């Protein structure tokens, strides 16, 4: 984050490899007690598929922080429907 001359905050982001996430299947993840999977900014389709493939039934935890990408998600996806 930087401020311009008019004191407006500006942020920069590069998609990098995340630009191609939707071309691939996410891995299946078995989370056990004490395991944490933190999902941050990324392709919303890939992220939704990743969460579907996670098994946290054994005490794991999934943390979701879409950041500025929140506008890329629809209500149905966020509700897990």
PDB file of N, CA and C in Angstrom:
ATOM      1  N   UNK A   1       0.836  -1.175   0.000  1.00  0.00           N
ATOM      2  CA  UNK A   1       0.000   0.000   0.000  1.00  0.00           C
ATOM      3  C   UNK A   1       0.882   1.239   0.000  1.00  0.00           C
ATOM      4  N   UNK A   2       0.493   2.156  -0.820  1.00  0.00           N
ATOM      5  CA  UNK A   2       1.172   3.451  -0.844  1.00  0.00           C
ATOM      6  C   UNK A   2       0.106   4.538  -0.898  1.00  0.00           C
ATOM      7  N   UNK A   3       0.477   5.712  -0.543  1.00  0.00           N
ATOM      8  CA  UNK A   3      -0.414   6.863  -0.650  1.00  0.00           C
ATOM      9  C   UNK A   3       0.078   7.751  -1.781  1.00  0.00           C
ATOM     10  N   UNK A   4      -0.860   8.229  -2.597  1.00  0.00           N
ATOM     11  CA  UNK A   4      -0.471   9.161  -3.637  1.00  0.00           C
ATOM     12  C   UNK A   4      -0.428  10.582  -3.063  1.00  0.00           C
ATOM     13  N   UNK A   5      -0.187  11.547  -3.907  1.00  0.00           N
ATOM     14  CA  UNK A   5      -0.052  12.940  -3.443  1.00  0.00           C
ATOM     15  C   UNK A   5      -1.326  13.468  -2.809  1.00  0.00           C
ATOM     16  N   UNK A   6      -2.466  12.869  -3.162  1.00  0.00           N
ATOM     17  CA  UNK A   6      -3.745  13.313  -2.603  1.00  0.00           C
ATOM     18  C   UNK A   6      -4.160  12.466  -1.404  1.00  0.00           C
ATOM     19  N   UNK A   7      -3.226  11.683  -0.873  1.00  0.00           N
ATOM     20  CA  UNK A   7      -3.428  10.854   0.315  1.00  0.00           C
ATOM     21  C   UNK A   7      -4.394   9.695   0.093  1.00  0.00           C
ATOM     22  N   UNK A   8      -4.573   9.269  -1.165  1.00  0.00           N
ATOM     23  CA  UNK A   8      -5.405   8.107  -1.458  1.00  0.00           C
ATOM     24  C   UNK A   8      -4.531   6.865  -1.400  1.00  0.00           C
ATOM     25  N   UNK A   9      -5.040   5.808  -0.768  1.00  0.00           N
ATOM     26  CA  UNK A   9      -4.295   4.552  -0.691  1.00  0.00           C
ATOM     27  C   UNK A   9      -4.399   3.804  -2.021  1.00  0.00           C
ATOM     28  N   UNK A  10      -3.288   3.274  -2.450  1.00  0.00           N
ATOM     29  CA  UNK A  10      -3.225   2.512  -3.683  1.00  0.00           C
ATOM     30  C   UNK A  10      -2.520   1.193  -3.368  1.00  0.00           C
ATOM     31  N   UNK A  11      -3.104   0.101  -3.831  1.00  0.00           N
ATOM     32  CA  UNK A  11      -2.440  -1.190  -3.647  1.00  0.00           C
ATOM     33  C   UNK A  11      -2.152  -1.802  -5.006  1.00  0.00           C
ATOM     34  N   UNK A  12      -1.163  -2.657  -5.047  1.00  0.00           N
ATOM     35  CA  UNK A  12      -0.757  -3.329  -6.270  1.00  0.00           C
ATOM     36  C   UNK A  12      -0.803  -4.824  -6.019  1.00  0.00           C
ATOM     37  N   UNK A  13      -1.195  -5.554  -7.043  1.00  0.00           N
ATOM     38  CA  UNK A  13      -1.274  -7.000  -6.918  1.00  0.00           C
ATOM     39  C   UNK A  13      -0.948  -7.624  -8.265  1.00  0.00           C
ATOM     40  N   UNK A  14      -0.167  -8.673  -8.251  1.00  0.00           N
ATOM     41  CA  UNK A  14       0.132  -9.420  -9.465  1.00  0.00           C
ATOM     42  C   UNK A  14      -0.410 -10.837  -9.290  1.00  0.00           C
ATOM     43  N   UNK A  15      -1.201 -11.292 -10.236  1.00  0.00           N
ATOM     44  CA  UNK A  15      -1.762 -12.646 -10.151  1.00  0.00           C
ATOM     45  C   UNK A  15      -0.684 -13.711 -10.249  1.00  0.00           C
ATOM     46  N   UNK A  16       0.399 -13.454 -10.928  1.00  0.00           N
ATOM     47  CA  UNK A  16       1.468 -14.443 -11.037  1.00  0.00           C
ATOM     48  C   UNK A  16       0.926 -15.798 -11.457  1.00  0.00           C
ATOM     49  N   UNK A  17       1.356 -16.856 -10.775  1.00  0.00           N
ATOM     50  CA  UNK A  17       0.930 -18.223 -11.104  1.00  0.00           C
ATOM     51  C   UNK A  17      -0.562 -18.442 -10.861  1.00  0.00           C
ATOM     52  N   UNK A  18      -1.162 -17.651  -9.966  1.00  0.00           N
ATOM     53  CA  UNK A  18      -2.587 -17.810  -9.661  1.00  0.00           C
ATOM     54  C   UNK A  18      -3.452 -17.559 -10.893  1.00  0.00           C
ATOM     55  N   UNK A  19      -2.933 -16.886 -11.869  1.00  0.00           N
ATOM     56  CA  UNK A  19      -3.651 -16.616 -13.111  1.00  0.00           C
ATOM     57  C   UNK A  19      -4.059 -17.921 -13.796  1.00  0.00           C
ATOM     58  N   UNK A  20      -3.323 -19.007 -13.527  1.00  0.00           N
ATOM     59  CA  UNK A  20      -3.585 -20.280 -14.210  1.00  0.00           C
ATOM     60  C   UNK A  20      -4.214 -21.328 -13.291  1.00  0.00           C
ATOM     61  N   UNK A  21      -4.555 -20.967 -12.062  1.00  0.00           N
ATOM     62  CA  UNK A  21      -5.130 -21.929 -11.124  1.00  0.00           C
ATOM     63  C   UNK A  21      -6.367 -22.623 -11.680  1.00  0.00           C
ATOM     64  N   UNK A  22      -7.252 -21.884 -12.334  1.00  0.00           N
ATOM     65  CA  UNK A  22      -8.517 -22.467 -12.789  1.00  0.00           C
ATOM     66  C   UNK A  22      -8.316 -23.547 -13.848  1.00  0.00           C
ATOM     67  N   UNK A  23      -7.129 -23.651 -14.410  1.00  0.00           N
ATOM     68  CA  UNK A  23      -6.829 -24.689 -15.408  1.00  0.00           C
ATOM     69  C   UNK A  23      -6.495 -26.025 -14.756  1.00  0.00           C
ATOM     70  N   UNK A  24      -6.400 -26.070 -13.436  1.00  0.00           N
ATOM     71  CA  UNK A  24      -5.948 -27.270 -12.739  1.00  0.00           C
ATOM     72  C   UNK A  24      -6.941 -27.694 -11.664  1.00  0.00           C
ATOM     73  N   UNK A  25      -6.905 -28.979 -11.343  1.00  0.00           N
ATOM     74  CA  UNK A  25      -7.710 -29.497 -10.238  1.00  0.00           C
ATOM     75  C   UNK A  25      -6.957 -29.256  -8.932  1.00  0.00           C
ATOM     76  N   UNK A  26      -7.637 -28.755  -7.920  1.00  0.00           N
ATOM     77  CA  UNK A  26      -6.964 -28.598  -6.621  1.00  0.00           C
ATOM     78  C   UNK A  26      -6.728 -29.970  -5.988  1.00  0.00           C
ATOM     79  N   UNK A  27      -5.766 -30.057  -5.099  1.00  0.00           N
ATOM     80  CA  UNK A  27      -5.498 -31.335  -4.440  1.00  0.00           C
ATOM     81  C   UNK A  27      -6.572 -31.663  -3.408  1.00  0.00           C
ATOM     82  N   UNK A  28      -6.689 -32.943  -3.093  1.00  0.00           N
ATOM     83  CA  UNK A  28      -7.516 -33.341  -1.958  1.00  0.00           C
ATOM     84  C   UNK A  28      -6.673 -33.129  -0.713  1.00  0.00           C
ATOM     85  N   UNK A  29      -7.264 -32.545   0.310  1.00  0.00           N
ATOM     86  CA  UNK A  29      -6.526 -32.212   1.528  1.00  0.00           C
ATOM     87  C   UNK A  29      -7.251 -32.804   2.719  1.00  0.00           C
ATOM     88  N   UNK A  30      -6.557 -33.657   3.471  1.00  0.00           N
ATOM     89  CA  UNK A  30      -7.100 -34.198   4.717  1.00  0.00           C
ATOM     90  C   UNK A  30      -6.471 -33.446   5.874  1.00  0.00           C
ATOM     91  N   UNK A  31      -7.273 -32.650   6.547  1.00  0.00           N
ATOM     92  CA  UNK A  31      -6.783 -31.867   7.676  1.00  0.00           C
ATOM     93  C   UNK A  31      -7.056 -32.624   8.963  1.00  0.00           C
ATOM     94  N   UNK A  32      -6.038 -32.787   9.760  1.00  0.00           N
ATOM     95  CA  UNK A  32      -6.170 -33.480  11.042  1.00  0.00           C
ATOM     96  C   UNK A  32      -6.073 -32.460  12.171  1.00  0.00           C
ATOM     97  N   UNK A  33      -6.282 -32.903  13.393  1.00  0.00           N
ATOM     98  CA  UNK A  33      -6.229 -32.017  14.552  1.00  0.00           C
ATOM     99  C   UNK A  33      -4.993 -31.139  14.546  1.00  0.00           C
ATOM    100  N   UNK A  34      -5.185 -29.850  14.643  1.00  0.00           N
ATOM    101  CA  UNK A  34      -4.073 -28.906  14.662  1.00  0.00           C
ATOM    102  C   UNK A  34      -3.660 -28.404  13.288  1.00  0.00           C
ATOM    103  N   UNK A  35      -4.107 -29.067  12.206  1.00  0.00           N
ATOM    104  CA  UNK A  35      -3.781 -28.604  10.861  1.00  0.00           C
ATOM    105  C   UNK A  35      -4.641 -27.397  10.510  1.00  0.00           C
ATOM    106  N   UNK A  36      -4.044 -26.447   9.800  1.00  0.00           N
ATOM    107  CA  UNK A  36      -4.769 -25.267   9.347  1.00  0.00           C
ATOM    108  C   UNK A  36      -4.457 -25.055   7.872  1.00  0.00           C
ATOM    109  N   UNK A  37      -5.504 -24.862   7.083  1.00  0.00           N
ATOM    110  CA  UNK A  37      -5.341 -24.483   5.690  1.00  0.00           C
ATOM    111  C   UNK A  37      -5.852 -23.055   5.567  1.00  0.00           C
ATOM    112  N   UNK A  38      -4.964 -22.131   5.217  1.00  0.00           N
ATOM    113  CA  UNK A  38      -5.348 -20.734   5.051  1.00  0.00           C
ATOM    114  C   UNK A  38      -5.454 -20.449   3.559  1.00  0.00           C
ATOM    115  N   UNK A  39      -6.638 -20.053   3.106  1.00  0.00           N
ATOM    116  CA  UNK A  39      -6.871 -19.745   1.706  1.00  0.00           C
ATOM    117  C   UNK A  39      -7.011 -18.232   1.582  1.00  0.00           C
ATOM    118  N   UNK A  40      -6.142 -17.644   0.775  1.00  0.00           N
ATOM    119  CA  UNK A  40      -6.152 -16.191   0.592  1.00  0.00           C
ATOM    120  C   UNK A  40      -6.592 -15.872  -0.837  1.00  0.00           C
ATOM    121  N   UNK A  41      -6.233 -14.711  -1.306  1.00  0.00           N
ATOM    122  CA  UNK A  41      -6.617 -14.269  -2.646  1.00  0.00           C
ATOM    123  C   UNK A  41      -6.221 -15.298  -3.692  1.00  0.00           C
ATOM    124  N   UNK A  42      -7.087 -15.443  -4.666  1.00  0.00           N
ATOM    125  CA  UNK A  42      -6.820 -16.379  -5.751  1.00  0.00           C
ATOM    126  C   UNK A  42      -8.042 -16.517  -6.626  1.00  0.00           C
ATOM    127  N   UNK A  43      -7.966 -17.395  -7.585  1.00  0.00           N
ATOM    128  CA  UNK A  43      -9.075 -17.621  -8.495  1.00  0.00           C
ATOM    129  C   UNK A  43     -10.280 -18.163  -7.735  1.00  0.00           C
ATOM    130  N   UNK A  44     -11.445 -17.503  -7.793  1.00  0.00           N
ATOM    131  CA  UNK A  44     -12.600 -17.934  -7.000  1.00  0.00           C
ATOM    132  C   UNK A  44     -13.115 -19.322  -7.362  1.00  0.00           C
ATOM    133  N   UNK A  45     -13.030 -19.719  -8.616  1.00  0.00           N
ATOM    134  CA  UNK A  45     -13.482 -21.053  -9.021  1.00  0.00           C
ATOM    135  C   UNK A  45     -12.567 -22.115  -8.419  1.00  0.00           C
ATOM    136  N   UNK A  46     -11.262 -21.910  -8.526  1.00  0.00           N
ATOM    137  CA  UNK A  46     -10.295 -22.846  -7.955  1.00  0.00           C
ATOM    138  C   UNK A  46     -10.458 -22.929  -6.435  1.00  0.00           C
ATOM    139  N   UNK A  47     -10.600 -21.778  -5.799  1.00  0.00           N
ATOM    140  CA  UNK A  47     -10.736 -21.737  -4.342  1.00  0.00           C
ATOM    141  C   UNK A  47     -11.973 -22.497  -3.878  1.00  0.00           C
ATOM    142  N   UNK A  48     -13.100 -22.301  -4.546  1.00  0.00           N
ATOM    143  CA  UNK A  48     -14.331 -23.009  -4.180  1.00  0.00           C
ATOM    144  C   UNK A  48     -14.149 -24.513  -4.342  1.00  0.00           C
ATOM    145  N   UNK A  49     -13.494 -24.940  -5.417  1.00  0.00           N
ATOM    146  CA  UNK A  49     -13.241 -26.380  -5.616  1.00  0.00           C
ATOM    147  C   UNK A  49     -12.293 -26.914  -4.554  1.00  0.00           C
ATOM    148  N   UNK A  50     -11.295 -26.127  -4.158  1.00  0.00           N
ATOM    149  CA  UNK A  50     -10.358 -26.556  -3.124  1.00  0.00           C
ATOM    150  C   UNK A  50     -11.086 -26.804  -1.809  1.00  0.00           C
ATOM    151  N   UNK A  51     -11.954 -25.889  -1.416  1.00  0.00           N
ATOM    152  CA  UNK A  51     -12.705 -26.052  -0.166  1.00  0.00           C
ATOM    153  C   UNK A  51     -13.572 -27.309  -0.232  1.00  0.00           C
ATOM    154  N   UNK A  52     -14.188 -27.568  -1.372  1.00  0.00           N
ATOM    155  CA  UNK A  52     -15.009 -28.772  -1.535  1.00  0.00           C
ATOM    156  C   UNK A  52     -14.186 -30.041  -1.378  1.00  0.00           C
ATOM    157  N   UNK A  53     -12.917 -29.987  -1.714  1.00  0.00           N
ATOM    158  CA  UNK A  53     -12.051 -31.175  -1.660  1.00  0.00           C
ATOM    159  C   UNK A  53     -11.321 -31.310  -0.317  1.00  0.00           C
ATOM    160  N   UNK A  54     -11.597 -30.423   0.605  1.00  0.00           N
ATOM    161  CA  UNK A  54     -10.961 -30.487   1.921  1.00  0.00           C
ATOM    162  C   UNK A  54     -11.802 -31.308   2.885  1.00  0.00           C
ATOM    163  N   UNK A  55     -11.133 -32.132   3.637  1.00  0.00           N
ATOM    164  CA  UNK A  55     -11.793 -32.909   4.675  1.00  0.00           C
ATOM    165  C   UNK A  55     -11.235 -32.438   6.016  1.00  0.00           C
ATOM    166  N   UNK A  56     -12.050 -31.656   6.726  1.00  0.00           N
ATOM    167  CA  UNK A  56     -11.621 -31.136   8.027  1.00  0.00           C
ATOM    168  C   UNK A  56     -12.356 -31.845   9.156  1.00  0.00           C
ATOM    169  N   UNK A  57     -12.938 -32.998   8.859  1.00  0.00           N
ATOM    170  CA  UNK A  57     -13.745 -33.720   9.847  1.00  0.00           C
ATOM    171  C   UNK A  57     -12.916 -34.216  11.025  1.00  0.00           C
ATOM    172  N   UNK A  58     -11.612 -34.354  10.852  1.00  0.00           N
ATOM    173  CA  UNK A  58     -10.768 -34.885  11.920  1.00  0.00           C
ATOM    174  C   UNK A  58     -10.136 -33.792  12.764  1.00  0.00           C
ATOM    175  N   UNK A  59     -10.770 -32.626  12.813  1.00  0.00           N
ATOM    176  CA  UNK A  59     -10.293 -31.578  13.708  1.00  0.00           C
ATOM    177  C   UNK A  59      -9.471 -30.495  13.052  1.00  0.00           C
ATOM    178  N   UNK A  60      -9.338 -30.520  11.727  1.00  0.00           N
ATOM    179  CA  UNK A  60      -8.599 -29.471  11.046  1.00  0.00           C
ATOM    180  C   UNK A  60      -9.434 -28.205  10.931  1.00  0.00           C
ATOM    181  N   UNK A  61      -8.811 -27.170  10.452  1.00  0.00           N
ATOM    182  CA  UNK A  61      -9.471 -25.867  10.370  1.00  0.00           C
ATOM    183  C   UNK A  61      -9.164 -25.226   9.023  1.00  0.00           C
ATOM    184  N   UNK A  62     -10.194 -24.655   8.380  1.00  0.00           N
ATOM    185  CA  UNK A  62     -10.013 -23.931   7.130  1.00  0.00           C
ATOM    186  C   UNK A  62     -10.251 -22.448   7.388  1.00  0.00           C
ATOM    187  N   UNK A  63      -9.276 -21.629   7.048  1.00  0.00           N
ATOM    188  CA  UNK A  63      -9.365 -20.182   7.186  1.00  0.00           C
ATOM    189  C   UNK A  63      -9.494 -19.592   5.780  1.00  0.00           C
ATOM    190  N   UNK A  64     -10.462 -18.708   5.585  1.00  0.00           N
ATOM    191  CA  UNK A  64     -10.701 -18.121   4.273  1.00  0.00           C
ATOM    192  C   UNK A  64     -10.628 -16.607   4.360  1.00  0.00           C
ATOM    193  N   UNK A  65      -9.702 -16.017   3.613  1.00  0.00           N
ATOM    194  CA  UNK A  65      -9.525 -14.566   3.578  1.00  0.00           C
ATOM    195  C   UNK A  65      -9.396 -14.128   2.130  1.00  0.00           C
ATOM    196  N   UNK A  66     -10.518 -13.827   1.468  1.00  0.00           N
ATOM    197  CA  UNK A  66     -10.447 -13.474   0.050  1.00  0.00           C
ATOM    198  C   UNK A  66      -9.887 -12.080  -0.219  1.00  0.00           C
ATOM    199  N   UNK A  67      -9.735 -11.278   0.815  1.00  0.00           N
ATOM    200  CA  UNK A  67      -9.203  -9.936   0.622  1.00  0.00           C
ATOM    201  C   UNK A  67     -10.025  -9.147  -0.377  1.00  0.00           C
ATOM    202  N   UNK A  68      -9.345  -8.458  -1.279  1.00  0.00           N
ATOM    203  CA  UNK A  68     -10.033  -7.640  -2.281  1.00  0.00           C
ATOM    204  C   UNK A  68     -10.789  -8.487  -3.297  1.00  0.00           C
ATOM    205  N   UNK A  69     -10.518  -9.791  -3.338  1.00  0.00           N
ATOM    206  CA  UNK A  69     -11.196 -10.674  -4.290  1.00  0.00           C
ATOM    207  C   UNK A  69     -12.630 -10.975  -3.883  1.00  0.00           C
ATOM    208  N   UNK A  70     -13.078 -10.504  -2.745  1.00  0.00           N
ATOM    209  CA  UNK A  70     -14.421 -10.807  -2.261  1.00  0.00           C
ATOM    210  C   UNK A  70     -15.479 -10.467  -3.317  1.00  0.00           C
ATOM    211  N   UNK A  71     -15.256  -9.452  -4.116  1.00  0.00           N
ATOM    212  CA  UNK A  71     -16.236  -9.068  -5.138  1.00  0.00           C
ATOM    213  C   UNK A  71     -16.305 -10.083  -6.279  1.00  0.00           C
ATOM    214  N   UNK A  72     -15.355 -11.014  -6.347  1.00  0.00           N
ATOM    215  CA  UNK A  72     -15.349 -12.031  -7.397  1.00  0.00           C
ATOM    216  C   UNK A  72     -16.206 -13.240  -7.042  1.00  0.00           C
ATOM    217  N   UNK A  73     -16.683 -13.321  -5.817  1.00  0.00           N
ATOM    218  CA  UNK A  73     -17.471 -14.464  -5.353  1.00  0.00           C
ATOM    219  C   UNK A  73     -18.952 -14.123  -5.377  1.00  0.00           C
ATOM    220  N   UNK A  74     -19.757 -15.107  -5.768  1.00  0.00           N
ATOM    221  CA  UNK A  74     -21.197 -14.897  -5.692  1.00  0.00           C
ATOM    222  C   UNK A  74     -21.715 -15.420  -4.349  1.00  0.00           C
ATOM    223  N   UNK A  75     -22.929 -15.045  -4.007  1.00  0.00           N
ATOM    224  CA  UNK A  75     -23.516 -15.404  -2.717  1.00  0.00           C
ATOM    225  C   UNK A  75     -23.589 -16.916  -2.526  1.00  0.00           C
ATOM    226  N   UNK A  76     -23.977 -17.636  -3.557  1.00  0.00           N
ATOM    227  CA  UNK A  76     -24.106 -19.098  -3.477  1.00  0.00           C
ATOM    228  C   UNK A  76     -22.774 -19.754  -3.104  1.00  0.00           C
ATOM    229  N   UNK A  77     -21.698 -19.309  -3.721  1.00  0.00           N
ATOM    230  CA  UNK A  77     -20.371 -19.877  -3.426  1.00  0.00           C
ATOM    231  C   UNK A  77     -19.971 -19.581  -1.989  1.00  0.00           C
ATOM    232  N   UNK A  78     -20.171 -18.350  -1.540  1.00  0.00           N
ATOM    233  CA  UNK A  78     -19.793 -17.983  -0.180  1.00  0.00           C
ATOM    234  C   UNK A  78     -20.607 -18.726   0.884  1.00  0.00           C
ATOM    235  N   UNK A  79     -21.856 -19.034   0.561  1.00  0.00           N
ATOM    236  CA  UNK A  79     -22.690 -19.772   1.519  1.00  0.00           C
ATOM    237  C   UNK A  79     -22.404 -21.265   1.479  1.00  0.00           C
ATOM    238  N   UNK A  80     -21.645 -21.721   0.497  1.00  0.00           N
ATOM    239  CA  UNK A  80     -21.309 -23.143   0.408  1.00  0.00           C
ATOM    240  C   UNK A  80     -22.411 -23.981  -0.202  1.00  0.00           C
ATOM    241  N   UNK A  81     -23.292 -23.374  -0.960  1.00  0.00           N
ATOM    242  CA  UNK A  81     -24.383 -24.114  -1.594  1.00  0.00           C
ATOM    243  C   UNK A  81     -23.954 -24.707  -2.915  1.00  0.00           C
TER     244      UNK A  81
END
